[in-house]
Amino acid sequence: MAEKLSPWCKRAKIEMIRKDISVNDLAEQLGNNRSYLSSVLNGRVVSMPIRKRISDLLNISDSDE
């Protein structure tokens, strides 16, 4: 069974849908690789600096609460 997404992952994905931003768009805006950002958004990779940059861009909290 797949692991559940963290609250931050869920918030980030919801906000991307609200703002109509794809992972490719996010990768372009942040200057990162699409597959790496996808791994962060899906909780497979934990990188607090990238998570902070994504949070700032989407205007969401970077905490898991």
Protein backbone atom coordinates (compact mmCIF):
# COMPACT_ATOMS: atom_id res chain seq x y z
CA MET A 1 0.00 0.00 0.00
CA ALA A 2 1.27 3.45 -0.90
CA GLU A 3 2.24 5.84 1.87
CA LYS A 4 0.00 8.82 2.52
CA LEU A 5 1.08 12.27 1.40
CA SER A 6 2.20 14.69 4.07
CA PRO A 7 -0.02 17.71 4.78
CA TRP A 8 2.52 19.93 3.00
CA CYS A 9 2.48 17.76 -0.13
CA LYS A 10 -1.31 17.91 -0.23
CA ARG A 11 -1.36 21.71 0.25
CA ALA A 12 1.25 22.20 -2.46
CA LYS A 13 -0.63 20.05 -4.96
CA ILE A 14 -3.98 21.71 -4.17
CA GLU A 15 -2.45 25.17 -4.60
CA MET A 16 -0.83 24.14 -7.89
CA ILE A 17 -4.26 23.06 -9.14
CA ARG A 18 -5.86 26.30 -7.93
CA LYS A 19 -3.21 28.37 -9.70
CA ASP A 20 -3.16 26.08 -12.75
CA ILE A 21 0.58 25.45 -12.38
CA SER A 22 2.06 22.20 -13.66
CA VAL A 23 5.19 20.52 -12.35
CA ASN A 24 6.87 21.62 -15.60
CA ASP A 25 5.85 25.25 -14.93
CA LEU A 26 7.18 24.97 -11.39
CA ALA A 27 10.46 23.50 -12.62
CA GLU A 28 10.88 26.36 -15.11
CA GLN A 29 10.13 29.03 -12.51
CA LEU A 30 12.46 27.52 -9.91
CA GLY A 31 15.19 26.41 -12.30
CA ASN A 32 15.07 22.79 -11.15
CA ASN A 33 14.58 19.44 -12.80
CA ARG A 34 10.92 18.38 -13.25
CA SER A 35 11.46 14.85 -11.98
CA TYR A 36 13.25 16.11 -8.86
CA LEU A 37 10.42 18.52 -8.04
CA SER A 38 7.91 15.73 -8.62
CA SER A 39 9.79 13.58 -6.10
CA VAL A 40 9.67 16.40 -3.54
CA LEU A 41 5.96 17.03 -4.18
CA ASN A 42 5.18 13.33 -3.79
CA GLY A 43 7.21 12.99 -0.58
CA ARG A 44 9.83 10.62 -1.99
CA VAL A 45 12.61 13.19 -1.49
CA VAL A 46 12.83 15.56 1.47
CA SER A 47 14.64 18.79 0.70
CA MET A 48 13.80 21.67 3.01
CA PRO A 49 15.44 24.34 0.80
CA ILE A 50 13.43 23.27 -2.27
CA ARG A 51 10.30 22.82 -0.19
CA LYS A 52 10.74 26.39 1.10
CA ARG A 53 11.16 27.74 -2.43
CA ILE A 54 8.04 25.89 -3.62
CA SER A 55 6.11 27.13 -0.58
CA ASP A 56 7.18 30.72 -1.21
CA LEU A 57 6.22 30.51 -4.87
CA LEU A 58 2.81 29.01 -4.06
CA ASN A 59 2.32 31.26 -1.02
CA ILE A 60 1.74 28.37 1.41
CA SER A 61 3.28 27.33 4.73
CA ASP A 62 6.25 24.98 4.49
CA SER A 63 5.35 23.12 7.68
CA ASP A 64 3.70 19.71 7.92
CA GLU A 65 1.01 20.97 10.24
